[in-house]
């Protein structure tokens, strides 16, 4: 990703969110909007990470449990839960989803050299931000099939 003005060359700008007991960094170029938690309409027989459908901008979008995606133990009951409306899938076939999160915290910069790769799926690695462990996500690995 190209550096943006005011950022270190090669730095990843990411939205830091709380999901259960974990902090997660979602690249800002994959985030469309952060809104108060959207009402979810459950779907019977869905995958464990699929909470159901929600409405965003007049369109239905699938709602995913971010805590489940990053294997986060549940935290305290969130005071102001949010939905992170994000692009998933590769750039040529991306789609919008809602990610249920406990809180949106801040925009951070992460040096790619500081990310320890951790394998496959949406969790691409881990790093430390302000002394706290953060799971770094890449949502291009979801959807778009």
Protein backbone atom coordinates (compact mmCIF):
# COMPACT_ATOMS: atom_id res chain seq x y z
CA UNK A 1 0.00 0.00 0.00
CA UNK A 2 1.45 3.43 -0.84
CA UNK A 3 2.28 5.70 2.06
CA UNK A 4 -0.09 8.57 2.67
CA UNK A 5 0.99 12.08 3.56
CA UNK A 6 2.07 12.28 7.18
CA UNK A 7 2.84 8.57 7.40
CA UNK A 8 6.14 6.75 7.37
CA UNK A 9 7.07 5.21 4.03
CA UNK A 10 5.45 1.77 3.83
CA UNK A 11 3.47 2.24 7.05
CA UNK A 12 0.10 0.51 7.25
CA UNK A 13 -2.69 2.83 8.42
CA UNK A 14 -5.25 0.76 10.28
CA UNK A 15 -8.40 1.16 12.33
CA UNK A 16 -7.85 -0.31 15.79
CA UNK A 17 -10.96 -2.10 17.10
CA UNK A 18 -11.78 -4.19 20.15
CA UNK A 19 -13.22 -7.67 19.62
CA UNK A 20 -13.69 -9.59 22.85
CA UNK A 21 -10.37 -9.66 24.67
CA UNK A 22 -8.37 -8.89 21.49
CA UNK A 23 -7.43 -5.73 19.68
CA UNK A 24 -7.52 -5.90 15.89
CA UNK A 25 -6.08 -3.65 13.20
CA UNK A 26 -8.10 -3.38 9.98
CA UNK A 27 -6.38 -1.57 7.09
CA UNK A 28 -8.21 1.73 6.52
CA UNK A 29 -8.42 1.06 2.78
CA UNK A 30 -10.67 -1.91 3.62
CA UNK A 31 -12.99 0.13 5.89
CA UNK A 32 -15.99 1.90 4.38
CA UNK A 33 -17.61 3.24 7.55
CA UNK A 34 -17.98 2.68 11.28
CA UNK A 35 -21.53 2.95 12.64
CA UNK A 36 -23.39 2.11 15.82
CA UNK A 37 -24.12 -1.61 16.02
CA UNK A 38 -26.61 -2.44 13.27
CA UNK A 39 -29.62 -4.62 14.09
CA UNK A 40 -29.01 -8.17 12.86
CA UNK A 41 -31.59 -10.54 11.43
CA UNK A 42 -30.34 -14.09 12.14
CA UNK A 43 -30.20 -16.68 9.37
CA UNK A 44 -30.91 -20.28 10.35
CA UNK A 45 -28.18 -22.76 9.52
CA UNK A 46 -25.50 -20.16 8.77
CA UNK A 47 -21.78 -20.57 9.37
CA UNK A 48 -20.67 -19.90 12.97
CA UNK A 49 -19.07 -16.56 12.06
CA UNK A 50 -22.22 -15.36 10.24
CA UNK A 51 -24.50 -13.52 12.66
CA UNK A 52 -27.12 -12.85 9.98
CA UNK A 53 -28.06 -9.95 7.73
CA UNK A 54 -28.19 -6.23 8.48
CA UNK A 55 -29.25 -3.24 6.41
CA UNK A 56 -26.67 -0.65 5.37
CA UNK A 57 -27.47 2.19 2.96
CA UNK A 58 -30.71 0.45 2.01
CA UNK A 59 -28.99 -2.81 1.06
CA UNK A 60 -28.66 -6.10 2.96
CA UNK A 61 -25.14 -7.01 4.03
CA UNK A 62 -23.89 -10.12 5.82
CA UNK A 63 -22.85 -9.50 9.43
CA UNK A 64 -19.79 -11.37 10.67
CA UNK A 65 -18.66 -11.81 14.26
CA UNK A 66 -15.19 -10.27 14.34
CA UNK A 67 -14.44 -11.91 17.69
CA UNK A 68 -15.13 -15.33 16.18
CA UNK A 69 -12.95 -14.57 13.13
CA UNK A 70 -9.93 -13.81 15.35
CA UNK A 71 -10.72 -16.48 17.96
CA UNK A 72 -11.14 -13.89 20.72
CA UNK A 73 -12.41 -14.89 24.16
CA UNK A 74 -15.44 -12.77 25.03
CA UNK A 75 -14.63 -9.58 26.91
CA UNK A 76 -16.78 -7.46 29.17
CA UNK A 77 -20.14 -6.41 27.78
CA UNK A 78 -19.36 -3.59 25.32
CA UNK A 79 -20.56 -0.12 26.27
CA UNK A 80 -20.90 1.14 22.69
CA UNK A 81 -20.69 -1.77 20.21
CA UNK A 82 -20.09 -0.87 16.58
CA UNK A 83 -20.41 -2.30 13.12
CA UNK A 84 -17.38 -1.83 10.92
CA UNK A 85 -18.67 -1.81 7.36
CA UNK A 86 -15.75 -3.15 5.38
CA UNK A 87 -14.72 -4.39 1.95
CA UNK A 88 -13.83 -8.09 1.82
CA UNK A 89 -12.41 -10.16 -1.00
CA UNK A 90 -9.86 -9.33 -3.68
CA UNK A 91 -10.06 -5.83 -5.22
CA UNK A 92 -11.63 -7.05 -8.47
CA UNK A 93 -14.54 -8.81 -6.73
CA UNK A 94 -14.86 -7.19 -3.33
CA UNK A 95 -18.13 -6.90 -1.45
CA UNK A 96 -19.37 -5.13 1.67
CA UNK A 97 -19.86 -6.90 4.98
CA UNK A 98 -20.51 -5.74 8.50
CA UNK A 99 -18.09 -6.75 11.24
CA UNK A 100 -19.59 -6.78 14.73
CA UNK A 101 -17.01 -5.28 17.10
CA UNK A 102 -17.04 -4.10 20.70
CA UNK A 103 -15.53 -0.67 19.99
CA UNK A 104 -13.68 1.38 17.40
CA UNK A 105 -10.69 2.95 19.12
CA UNK A 106 -8.36 4.93 16.85
CA UNK A 107 -6.36 5.04 13.63
CA UNK A 108 -2.82 3.73 14.09
CA UNK A 109 0.26 3.35 11.91
CA UNK A 110 2.00 -0.01 11.81
CA UNK A 111 5.38 -0.61 10.26
CA UNK A 112 5.17 -3.77 8.11
CA UNK A 113 8.52 -4.93 9.56
CA UNK A 114 6.84 -5.03 13.00
CA UNK A 115 4.12 -7.49 11.92
CA UNK A 116 4.87 -11.11 12.75
CA UNK A 117 3.18 -13.23 10.08
CA UNK A 118 0.80 -15.82 11.48
CA UNK A 119 -0.55 -17.73 8.54
CA UNK A 120 -3.76 -17.89 6.56
CA UNK A 121 -7.24 -16.46 6.59
CA UNK A 122 -8.16 -12.93 7.64
CA UNK A 123 -5.57 -12.94 10.43
CA UNK A 124 -2.32 -12.10 8.64
CA UNK A 125 -0.15 -11.36 11.66
CA UNK A 126 0.39 -9.80 15.05
CA UNK A 127 2.18 -6.71 16.29
CA UNK A 128 2.37 -4.47 19.33
CA UNK A 129 0.77 -1.03 19.53
CA UNK A 130 1.35 1.08 22.63
CA UNK A 131 2.48 -2.02 24.52
CA UNK A 132 -0.61 -4.07 23.66
CA UNK A 133 -0.80 -7.10 21.38
CA UNK A 134 -2.77 -6.40 18.19
CA UNK A 135 -3.99 -8.86 15.57
CA UNK A 136 -3.50 -7.49 12.06
CA UNK A 137 -6.22 -8.39 9.55
CA UNK A 138 -6.32 -8.60 5.78
CA UNK A 139 -9.93 -8.85 4.69
CA UNK A 140 -9.01 -9.52 1.05
CA UNK A 141 -8.80 -13.20 2.03
CA UNK A 142 -12.54 -13.30 2.84
CA UNK A 143 -15.39 -13.43 0.35
CA UNK A 144 -15.11 -12.71 -3.33
CA UNK A 145 -15.28 -16.38 -4.36
